[in-house]
PDB file of N, CA and C in Angstrom:
ATOM      1  N   MET A   1      21.618 195.176 139.187  1.00  0.00           N
ATOM      2  CA  MET A   1      21.630 196.577 138.834  1.00  0.00           C
ATOM      3  C   MET A   1      22.140 196.704 137.401  1.00  0.00           C
ATOM      4  N   ASP A   2      21.377 197.390 136.547  1.00  0.00           N
ATOM      5  CA  ASP A   2      21.824 197.540 135.165  1.00  0.00           C
ATOM      6  C   ASP A   2      22.687 198.800 135.012  1.00  0.00           C
ATOM      7  N   LYS A   3      23.198 199.002 133.814  1.00  0.00           N
ATOM      8  CA  LYS A   3      24.128 200.100 133.535  1.00  0.00           C
ATOM      9  C   LYS A   3      23.499 201.467 133.829  1.00  0.00           C
ATOM     10  N   THR A   4      22.241 201.656 133.482  1.00  0.00           N
ATOM     11  CA  THR A   4      21.559 202.936 133.709  1.00  0.00           C
ATOM     12  C   THR A   4      21.464 203.248 135.196  1.00  0.00           C
ATOM     13  N   ASP A   5      21.096 202.244 135.988  1.00  0.00           N
ATOM     14  CA  ASP A   5      21.005 202.450 137.431  1.00  0.00           C
ATOM     15  C   ASP A   5      22.368 202.807 138.016  1.00  0.00           C
ATOM     16  N   LEU A   6      23.384 202.106 137.586  1.00  0.00           N
ATOM     17  CA  LEU A   6      24.731 202.350 138.079  1.00  0.00           C
ATOM     18  C   LEU A   6      25.190 203.760 137.723  1.00  0.00           C
ATOM     19  N   GLN A   7      24.923 204.192 136.461  1.00  0.00           N
ATOM     20  CA  GLN A   7      25.324 205.527 136.035  1.00  0.00           C
ATOM     21  C   GLN A   7      24.620 206.600 136.849  1.00  0.00           C
ATOM     22  N   SER A   8      23.339 206.432 137.106  1.00  0.00           N
ATOM     23  CA  SER A   8      22.612 207.442 137.877  1.00  0.00           C
ATOM     24  C   SER A   8      23.058 207.439 139.340  1.00  0.00           C
ATOM     25  N   ASP A   9      23.431 206.275 139.863  1.00  0.00           N
ATOM     26  CA  ASP A   9      23.893 206.194 141.247  1.00  0.00           C
ATOM     27  C   ASP A   9      25.222 206.922 141.455  1.00  0.00           C
ATOM     28  N   ILE A  10      26.093 206.890 140.442  1.00  0.00           N
ATOM     29  CA  ILE A  10      27.400 207.537 140.624  1.00  0.00           C
ATOM     30  C   ILE A  10      27.475 208.899 139.926  1.00  0.00           C
ATOM     31  N   GLY A  11      26.370 209.373 139.359  1.00  0.00           N
ATOM     32  CA  GLY A  11      26.298 210.724 138.811  1.00  0.00           C
ATOM     33  C   GLY A  11      26.877 210.896 137.429  1.00  0.00           C
ATOM     34  N   ILE A  12      26.953 209.857 136.651  1.00  0.00           N
ATOM     35  CA  ILE A  12      27.468 209.967 135.285  1.00  0.00           C
ATOM     36  C   ILE A  12      26.317 210.360 134.362  1.00  0.00           C
ATOM     37  N   LYS A  13      26.564 211.379 133.596  1.00  0.00           N
ATOM     38  CA  LYS A  13      25.583 211.786 132.589  1.00  0.00           C
ATOM     39  C   LYS A  13      26.249 211.698 131.236  1.00  0.00           C
ATOM     40  N   GLU A  14      25.658 210.938 130.342  1.00  0.00           N
ATOM     41  CA  GLU A  14      26.200 210.830 128.989  1.00  0.00           C
ATOM     42  C   GLU A  14      25.589 211.915 128.131  1.00  0.00           C
ATOM     43  N   LYS A  15      26.436 212.569 127.380  1.00  0.00           N
ATOM     44  CA  LYS A  15      25.973 213.616 126.480  1.00  0.00           C
ATOM     45  C   LYS A  15      26.401 213.238 125.066  1.00  0.00           C
ATOM     46  N   PHE A  16      25.437 213.142 124.199  1.00  0.00           N
ATOM     47  CA  PHE A  16      25.714 212.804 122.812  1.00  0.00           C
ATOM     48  C   PHE A  16      25.365 213.993 121.935  1.00  0.00           C
ATOM     49  N   GLU A  17      26.264 214.325 121.039  1.00  0.00           N
ATOM     50  CA  GLU A  17      26.020 215.392 120.090  1.00  0.00           C
ATOM     51  C   GLU A  17      25.953 214.787 118.697  1.00  0.00           C
ATOM     52  N   GLU A  18      24.975 215.249 117.941  1.00  0.00           N
ATOM     53  CA  GLU A  18      24.878 214.819 116.554  1.00  0.00           C
ATOM     54  C   GLU A  18      26.086 215.354 115.793  1.00  0.00           C
ATOM     55  N   PRO A  19      26.664 214.550 114.904  1.00  0.00           N
ATOM     56  CA  PRO A  19      27.790 215.052 114.123  1.00  0.00           C
ATOM     57  C   PRO A  19      27.318 216.166 113.180  1.00  0.00           C
ATOM     58  N   VAL A  20      28.178 217.118 112.945  1.00  0.00           N
ATOM     59  CA  VAL A  20      27.856 218.239 112.060  1.00  0.00           C
ATOM     60  C   VAL A  20      28.084 217.803 110.625  1.00  0.00           C
ATOM     61  N   ASP A  21      27.161 218.155 109.744  1.00  0.00           N
ATOM     62  CA  ASP A  21      27.299 217.857 108.319  1.00  0.00           C
ATOM     63  C   ASP A  21      27.878 219.070 107.596  1.00  0.00           C
ATOM     64  N   TYR A  22      28.540 218.790 106.483  1.00  0.00           N
ATOM     65  CA  TYR A  22      29.161 219.841 105.682  1.00  0.00           C
ATOM     66  C   TYR A  22      28.740 219.701 104.228  1.00  0.00           C
ATOM     67  N   ASN A  23      28.387 220.833 103.618  1.00  0.00           N
ATOM     68  CA  ASN A  23      28.017 220.871 102.209  1.00  0.00           C
ATOM     69  C   ASN A  23      29.256 221.082 101.358  1.00  0.00           C
ATOM     70  N   VAL A  24      29.331 220.354 100.255  1.00  0.00           N
ATOM     71  CA  VAL A  24      30.376 220.567  99.263  1.00  0.00           C
ATOM     72  C   VAL A  24      29.703 221.296  98.101  1.00  0.00           C
ATOM     73  N   ILE A  25      30.210 222.480  97.802  1.00  0.00           N
ATOM     74  CA  ILE A  25      29.565 223.374  96.845  1.00  0.00           C
ATOM     75  C   ILE A  25      30.528 223.686  95.706  1.00  0.00           C
ATOM     76  N   LEU A  26      30.021 223.586  94.475  1.00  0.00           N
ATOM     77  CA  LEU A  26      30.793 223.966  93.300  1.00  0.00           C
ATOM     78  C   LEU A  26      30.366 225.362  92.873  1.00  0.00           C
ATOM     79  N   LEU A  27      31.339 226.192  92.484  1.00  0.00           N
ATOM     80  CA  LEU A  27      31.062 227.557  92.048  1.00  0.00           C
ATOM     81  C   LEU A  27      31.277 227.700  90.550  1.00  0.00           C
ATOM     82  N   ASN A  28      30.482 228.541  89.941  1.00  0.00           N
ATOM     83  CA  ASN A  28      30.577 228.787  88.506  1.00  0.00           C
ATOM     84  C   ASN A  28      31.791 229.652  88.192  1.00  0.00           C
ATOM     85  N   ASP A  29      32.341 229.427  87.015  1.00  0.00           N
ATOM     86  CA  ASP A  29      33.377 230.304  86.475  1.00  0.00           C
ATOM     87  C   ASP A  29      33.194 230.341  84.964  1.00  0.00           C
ATOM     88  N   ASP A  30      33.960 231.178  84.290  1.00  0.00           N
ATOM     89  CA  ASP A  30      33.784 231.349  82.847  1.00  0.00           C
ATOM     90  C   ASP A  30      34.641 230.400  82.008  1.00  0.00           C
ATOM     91  N   PHE A  31      35.375 229.492  82.646  1.00  0.00           N
ATOM     92  CA  PHE A  31      36.310 228.663  81.894  1.00  0.00           C
ATOM     93  C   PHE A  31      36.060 227.161  82.010  1.00  0.00           C
ATOM     94  N   THR A  32      35.611 226.696  83.153  1.00  0.00           N
ATOM     95  CA  THR A  32      35.374 225.267  83.347  1.00  0.00           C
ATOM     96  C   THR A  32      34.174 224.855  82.513  1.00  0.00           C
ATOM     97  N   THR A  33      34.337 223.815  81.726  1.00  0.00           N
ATOM     98  CA  THR A  33      33.252 223.388  80.840  1.00  0.00           C
ATOM     99  C   THR A  33      32.143 222.683  81.618  1.00  0.00           C
ATOM    100  N   MET A  34      30.955 222.748  81.060  1.00  0.00           N
ATOM    101  CA  MET A  34      29.817 222.056  81.657  1.00  0.00           C
ATOM    102  C   MET A  34      30.066 220.556  81.689  1.00  0.00           C
ATOM    103  N   GLU A  35      30.688 220.049  80.651  1.00  0.00           N
ATOM    104  CA  GLU A  35      30.977 218.622  80.571  1.00  0.00           C
ATOM    105  C   GLU A  35      31.908 218.173  81.698  1.00  0.00           C
ATOM    106  N   PHE A  36      32.899 219.015  82.004  1.00  0.00           N
ATOM    107  CA  PHE A  36      33.824 218.669  83.079  1.00  0.00           C
ATOM    108  C   PHE A  36      33.118 218.667  84.431  1.00  0.00           C
ATOM    109  N   VAL A  37      32.224 219.617  84.657  1.00  0.00           N
ATOM    110  CA  VAL A  37      31.474 219.666  85.917  1.00  0.00           C
ATOM    111  C   VAL A  37      30.617 218.409  86.051  1.00  0.00           C
ATOM    112  N   VAL A  38      29.955 218.005  84.972  1.00  0.00           N
ATOM    113  CA  VAL A  38      29.160 216.766  84.999  1.00  0.00           C
ATOM    114  C   VAL A  38      30.068 215.580  85.309  1.00  0.00           C
ATOM    115  N   TYR A  39      31.227 215.536  84.679  1.00  0.00           N
ATOM    116  CA  TYR A  39      32.187 214.451  84.919  1.00  0.00           C
ATOM    117  C   TYR A  39      32.587 214.393  86.394  1.00  0.00           C
ATOM    118  N   ILE A  40      32.911 215.539  86.972  1.00  0.00           N
ATOM    119  CA  ILE A  40      33.280 215.618  88.398  1.00  0.00           C
ATOM    120  C   ILE A  40      32.151 215.067  89.265  1.00  0.00           C
ATOM    121  N   LEU A  41      30.939 215.503  88.982  1.00  0.00           N
ATOM    122  CA  LEU A  41      29.783 215.096  89.789  1.00  0.00           C
ATOM    123  C   LEU A  41      29.531 213.595  89.697  1.00  0.00           C
ATOM    124  N   LYS A  42      29.769 213.030  88.540  1.00  0.00           N
ATOM    125  CA  LYS A  42      29.562 211.585  88.368  1.00  0.00           C
ATOM    126  C   LYS A  42      30.706 210.781  88.989  1.00  0.00           C
ATOM    127  N   MET A  43      31.929 211.221  88.773  1.00  0.00           N
ATOM    128  CA  MET A  43      33.085 210.429  89.211  1.00  0.00           C
ATOM    129  C   MET A  43      33.392 210.579  90.701  1.00  0.00           C
ATOM    130  N   ILE A  44      33.324 211.770  91.221  1.00  0.00           N
ATOM    131  CA  ILE A  44      33.701 212.006  92.616  1.00  0.00           C
ATOM    132  C   ILE A  44      32.511 211.894  93.556  1.00  0.00           C
ATOM    133  N   PHE A  45      31.355 212.396  93.090  1.00  0.00           N
ATOM    134  CA  PHE A  45      30.183 212.426  93.962  1.00  0.00           C
ATOM    135  C   PHE A  45      29.180 211.318  93.654  1.00  0.00           C
ATOM    136  N   HIS A  46      29.483 210.493  92.658  1.00  0.00           N
ATOM    137  CA  HIS A  46      28.669 209.322  92.304  1.00  0.00           C
ATOM    138  C   HIS A  46      27.219 209.683  91.992  1.00  0.00           C
ATOM    139  N   LYS A  47      27.040 210.784  91.264  1.00  0.00           N
ATOM    140  CA  LYS A  47      25.711 211.217  90.851  1.00  0.00           C
ATOM    141  C   LYS A  47      25.323 210.514  89.556  1.00  0.00           C
ATOM    142  N   SER A  48      24.034 210.312  89.376  1.00  0.00           N
ATOM    143  CA  SER A  48      23.533 209.752  88.119  1.00  0.00           C
ATOM    144  C   SER A  48      23.669 210.823  87.029  1.00  0.00           C
ATOM    145  N   ASP A  49      23.458 210.428  85.781  1.00  0.00           N
ATOM    146  CA  ASP A  49      23.530 211.388  84.680  1.00  0.00           C
ATOM    147  C   ASP A  49      22.584 212.568  84.902  1.00  0.00           C
ATOM    148  N   SER A  50      21.350 212.271  85.265  1.00  0.00           N
ATOM    149  CA  SER A  50      20.357 213.344  85.421  1.00  0.00           C
ATOM    150  C   SER A  50      20.663 214.217  86.644  1.00  0.00           C
ATOM    151  N   GLU A  51      21.102 213.613  87.755  1.00  0.00           N
ATOM    152  CA  GLU A  51      21.465 214.399  88.937  1.00  0.00           C
ATOM    153  C   GLU A  51      22.643 215.326  88.616  1.00  0.00           C
ATOM    154  N   ALA A  52      23.653 214.773  87.950  1.00  0.00           N
ATOM    155  CA  ALA A  52      24.842 215.556  87.604  1.00  0.00           C
ATOM    156  C   ALA A  52      24.464 216.716  86.683  1.00  0.00           C
ATOM    157  N   TYR A  53      23.615 216.460  85.702  1.00  0.00           N
ATOM    158  CA  TYR A  53      23.184 217.505  84.780  1.00  0.00           C
ATOM    159  C   TYR A  53      22.438 218.613  85.542  1.00  0.00           C
ATOM    160  N   ASN A  54      21.514 218.225  86.418  1.00  0.00           N
ATOM    161  CA  ASN A  54      20.728 219.215  87.164  1.00  0.00           C
ATOM    162  C   ASN A  54      21.607 220.071  88.084  1.00  0.00           C
ATOM    163  N   ILE A  55      22.575 219.456  88.741  1.00  0.00           N
ATOM    164  CA  ILE A  55      23.483 220.209  89.608  1.00  0.00           C
ATOM    165  C   ILE A  55      24.353 221.143  88.768  1.00  0.00           C
ATOM    166  N   MET A  56      24.851 220.635  87.644  1.00  0.00           N
ATOM    167  CA  MET A  56      25.671 221.464  86.747  1.00  0.00           C
ATOM    168  C   MET A  56      24.876 222.671  86.271  1.00  0.00           C
ATOM    169  N   MET A  57      23.596 222.490  85.944  1.00  0.00           N
ATOM    170  CA  MET A  57      22.768 223.612  85.493  1.00  0.00           C
ATOM    171  C   MET A  57      22.550 224.618  86.627  1.00  0.00           C
ATOM    172  N   SER A  58      22.453 224.136  87.854  1.00  0.00           N
ATOM    173  CA  SER A  58      22.351 225.041  88.999  1.00  0.00           C
ATOM    174  C   SER A  58      23.624 225.868  89.130  1.00  0.00           C
ATOM    175  N   VAL A  59      24.772 225.222  88.965  1.00  0.00           N
ATOM    176  CA  VAL A  59      26.053 225.936  89.008  1.00  0.00           C
ATOM    177  C   VAL A  59      26.071 226.994  87.905  1.00  0.00           C
ATOM    178  N   HIS A  60      25.660 226.604  86.713  1.00  0.00           N
ATOM    179  CA  HIS A  60      25.698 227.504  85.552  1.00  0.00           C
ATOM    180  C   HIS A  60      24.720 228.677  85.702  1.00  0.00           C
ATOM    181  N   LYS A  61      23.501 228.394  86.110  1.00  0.00           N
ATOM    182  CA  LYS A  61      22.455 229.433  86.167  1.00  0.00           C
ATOM    183  C   LYS A  61      22.480 230.252  87.461  1.00  0.00           C
ATOM    184  N   ASN A  62      22.774 229.595  88.583  1.00  0.00           N
ATOM    185  CA  ASN A  62      22.687 230.259  89.888  1.00  0.00           C
ATOM    186  C   ASN A  62      24.035 230.660  90.474  1.00  0.00           C
ATOM    187  N   GLY A  63      25.113 230.218  89.854  1.00  0.00           N
ATOM    188  CA  GLY A  63      26.441 230.559  90.349  1.00  0.00           C
ATOM    189  C   GLY A  63      27.043 229.536  91.291  1.00  0.00           C
ATOM    190  N   SER A  64      26.214 228.608  91.785  1.00  0.00           N
ATOM    191  CA  SER A  64      26.729 227.551  92.661  1.00  0.00           C
ATOM    192  C   SER A  64      25.754 226.380  92.652  1.00  0.00           C
ATOM    193  N   GLY A  65      26.280 225.238  93.066  1.00  0.00           N
ATOM    194  CA  GLY A  65      25.447 224.041  93.146  1.00  0.00           C
ATOM    195  C   GLY A  65      25.953 223.129  94.241  1.00  0.00           C
ATOM    196  N   LEU A  66      25.021 222.502  94.926  1.00  0.00           N
ATOM    197  CA  LEU A  66      25.349 221.581  96.021  1.00  0.00           C
ATOM    198  C   LEU A  66      25.685 220.206  95.448  1.00  0.00           C
ATOM    199  N   ALA A  67      26.939 219.825  95.599  1.00  0.00           N
ATOM    200  CA  ALA A  67      27.379 218.523  95.108  1.00  0.00           C
ATOM    201  C   ALA A  67      27.029 217.400  96.082  1.00  0.00           C
ATOM    202  N   GLY A  68      26.990 217.713  97.381  1.00  0.00           N
ATOM    203  CA  GLY A  68      26.654 216.696  98.374  1.00  0.00           C
ATOM    204  C   GLY A  68      26.875 217.208  99.784  1.00  0.00           C
ATOM    205  N   THR A  69      26.359 216.443 100.738  1.00  0.00           N
ATOM    206  CA  THR A  69      26.496 216.761 102.164  1.00  0.00           C
ATOM    207  C   THR A  69      27.111 215.565 102.858  1.00  0.00           C
ATOM    208  N   TYR A  70      28.197 215.805 103.594  1.00  0.00           N
ATOM    209  CA  TYR A  70      28.988 214.725 104.170  1.00  0.00           C
ATOM    210  C   TYR A  70      29.518 215.115 105.541  1.00  0.00           C
ATOM    211  N   SER A  71      30.127 214.152 106.210  1.00  0.00           N
ATOM    212  CA  SER A  71      30.881 214.464 107.428  1.00  0.00           C
ATOM    213  C   SER A  71      32.086 215.304 107.006  1.00  0.00           C
ATOM    214  N   TYR A  72      32.706 215.959 107.965  1.00  0.00           N
ATOM    215  CA  TYR A  72      33.793 216.892 107.661  1.00  0.00           C
ATOM    216  C   TYR A  72      34.926 216.229 106.872  1.00  0.00           C
ATOM    217  N   ASP A  73      35.411 215.096 107.345  1.00  0.00           N
ATOM    218  CA  ASP A  73      36.548 214.443 106.694  1.00  0.00           C
ATOM    219  C   ASP A  73      36.237 214.053 105.249  1.00  0.00           C
ATOM    220  N   ILE A  74      35.056 213.532 105.024  1.00  0.00           N
ATOM    221  CA  ILE A  74      34.679 213.127 103.669  1.00  0.00           C
ATOM    222  C   ILE A  74      34.506 214.354 102.784  1.00  0.00           C
ATOM    223  N   ALA A  75      33.888 215.410 103.305  1.00  0.00           N
ATOM    224  CA  ALA A  75      33.705 216.638 102.526  1.00  0.00           C
ATOM    225  C   ALA A  75      35.050 217.225 102.102  1.00  0.00           C
ATOM    226  N   ILE A  76      36.000 217.272 103.014  1.00  0.00           N
ATOM    227  CA  ILE A  76      37.335 217.808 102.695  1.00  0.00           C
ATOM    228  C   ILE A  76      38.032 216.929 101.664  1.00  0.00           C
ATOM    229  N   THR A  77      37.912 215.625 101.816  1.00  0.00           N
ATOM    230  CA  THR A  77      38.528 214.706 100.855  1.00  0.00           C
ATOM    231  C   THR A  77      37.951 214.904  99.464  1.00  0.00           C
ATOM    232  N   LYS A  78      36.639 215.019  99.370  1.00  0.00           N
ATOM    233  CA  LYS A  78      35.998 215.219  98.064  1.00  0.00           C
ATOM    234  C   LYS A  78      36.401 216.565  97.465  1.00  0.00           C
ATOM    235  N   ARG A  79      36.442 217.616  98.288  1.00  0.00           N
ATOM    236  CA  ARG A  79      36.888 218.916  97.792  1.00  0.00           C
ATOM    237  C   ARG A  79      38.303 218.818  97.234  1.00  0.00           C
ATOM    238  N   ASN A  80      39.188 218.155  97.958  1.00  0.00           N
ATOM    239  CA  ASN A  80      40.571 218.016  97.502  1.00  0.00           C
ATOM    240  C   ASN A  80      40.657 217.233  96.198  1.00  0.00           C
ATOM    241  N   GLU A  81      39.823 216.208  96.047  1.00  0.00           N
ATOM    242  CA  GLU A  81      39.793 215.433  94.798  1.00  0.00           C
ATOM    243  C   GLU A  81      39.340 216.315  93.632  1.00  0.00           C
ATOM    244  N   VAL A  82      38.310 217.135  93.874  1.00  0.00           N
ATOM    245  CA  VAL A  82      37.818 218.040  92.832  1.00  0.00           C
ATOM    246  C   VAL A  82      38.917 219.007  92.422  1.00  0.00           C
ATOM    247  N   LEU A  83      39.553 219.643  93.389  1.00  0.00           N
ATOM    248  CA  LEU A  83      40.577 220.638  93.085  1.00  0.00           C
ATOM    249  C   LEU A  83      41.774 220.024  92.362  1.00  0.00           C
ATOM    250  N   LYS A  84      42.161 218.829  92.762  1.00  0.00           N
ATOM    251  CA  LYS A  84      43.288 218.144  92.117  1.00  0.00           C
ATOM    252  C   LYS A  84      42.960 217.804  90.665  1.00  0.00           C
ATOM    253  N   LEU A  85      41.758 217.282  90.437  1.00  0.00           N
ATOM    254  CA  LEU A  85      41.347 216.919  89.084  1.00  0.00           C
ATOM    255  C   LEU A  85      41.169 218.165  88.213  1.00  0.00           C
ATOM    256  N   ALA A  86      40.618 219.224  88.777  1.00  0.00           N
ATOM    257  CA  ALA A  86      40.444 220.471  88.029  1.00  0.00           C
ATOM    258  C   ALA A  86      41.809 221.048  87.639  1.00  0.00           C
ATOM    259  N   GLN A  87      42.728 221.046  88.578  1.00  0.00           N
ATOM    260  CA  GLN A  87      44.061 221.573  88.302  1.00  0.00           C
ATOM    261  C   GLN A  87      44.763 220.734  87.225  1.00  0.00           C
ATOM    262  N   ALA A  88      44.630 219.424  87.309  1.00  0.00           N
ATOM    263  CA  ALA A  88      45.257 218.542  86.320  1.00  0.00           C
ATOM    264  C   ALA A  88      44.700 218.779  84.919  1.00  0.00           C
ATOM    265  N   ASN A  89      43.450 219.233  84.854  1.00  0.00           N
ATOM    266  CA  ASN A  89      42.811 219.505  83.567  1.00  0.00           C
ATOM    267  C   ASN A  89      42.813 220.992  83.221  1.00  0.00           C
ATOM    268  N   LYS A  90      43.549 221.772  83.998  1.00  0.00           N
ATOM    269  CA  LYS A  90      43.738 223.210  83.780  1.00  0.00           C
ATOM    270  C   LYS A  90      42.428 223.995  83.809  1.00  0.00           C
ATOM    271  N   PHE A  91      41.549 223.614  84.744  1.00  0.00           N
ATOM    272  CA  PHE A  91      40.308 224.353  84.969  1.00  0.00           C
ATOM    273  C   PHE A  91      40.393 225.059  86.324  1.00  0.00           C
ATOM    274  N   PRO A  92      39.854 226.279  86.414  1.00  0.00           N
ATOM    275  CA  PRO A  92      39.899 227.020  87.677  1.00  0.00           C
ATOM    276  C   PRO A  92      38.686 226.753  88.574  1.00  0.00           C
ATOM    277  N   LEU A  93      38.112 225.576  88.485  1.00  0.00           N
ATOM    278  CA  LEU A  93      36.903 225.238  89.246  1.00  0.00           C
ATOM    279  C   LEU A  93      37.135 225.436  90.746  1.00  0.00           C
ATOM    280  N   VAL A  94      36.195 226.122  91.387  1.00  0.00           N
ATOM    281  CA  VAL A  94      36.271 226.366  92.824  1.00  0.00           C
ATOM    282  C   VAL A  94      35.272 225.449  93.516  1.00  0.00           C
ATOM    283  N   CYS A  95      35.740 224.815  94.577  1.00  0.00           N
ATOM    284  CA  CYS A  95      34.918 223.896  95.357  1.00  0.00           C
ATOM    285  C   CYS A  95      35.065 224.276  96.817  1.00  0.00           C
ATOM    286  N   LEU A  96      33.943 224.542  97.479  1.00  0.00           N
ATOM    287  CA  LEU A  96      33.963 224.991  98.861  1.00  0.00           C
ATOM    288  C   LEU A  96      33.336 223.943  99.777  1.00  0.00           C
ATOM    289  N   VAL A  97      33.733 223.978 101.029  1.00  0.00           N
ATOM    290  CA  VAL A  97      33.102 223.161 102.078  1.00  0.00           C
ATOM    291  C   VAL A  97      32.566 224.123 103.114  1.00  0.00           C
ATOM    292  N   LYS A  98      31.258 224.034 103.358  1.00  0.00           N
ATOM    293  CA  LYS A  98      30.617 224.910 104.343  1.00  0.00           C
ATOM    294  C   LYS A  98      29.740 224.059 105.270  1.00  0.00           C
ATOM    295  N   GLU A  99      29.694 224.465 106.511  1.00  0.00           N
ATOM    296  CA  GLU A  99      28.865 223.758 107.474  1.00  0.00           C
ATOM    297  C   GLU A  99      27.396 223.840 107.040  1.00  0.00           C
ATOM    298  N   ALA A 100      26.729 222.699 107.035  1.00  0.00           N
ATOM    299  CA  ALA A 100      25.306 222.653 106.672  1.00  0.00           C
ATOM    300  C   ALA A 100      24.486 223.189 107.817  1.00  0.00           C
ATOM    301  N   ARG A 101      23.452 223.904 107.538  1.00  0.00           N
ATOM    302  CA  ARG A 101      22.609 224.471 108.593  1.00  0.00           C
ATOM    303  C   ARG A 101      21.181 224.090 108.381  1.00  0.00           C
TER     304      ARG A 101
END
């Protein structure tokens, strides 16, 4: 008797849920430089030069940009790294974590 047969014989039902993903979003402000946003995207989110530039332009033109999508713990860690680095450089950069849909 294999594991599946045994589980069905004793009434065990396994339920698996896909983990929820979270978006890390940068918001535009009037003080944080474009160069600093590109730096954040390259250093924390490991974006290439062109990816970082395109995301930074989205932040600048649209008011926000998606830096990446991660599991909850990683998204929170990256947000905290962004906020710490922004504060150390005296920038008011806002970084949000929102559930991806």
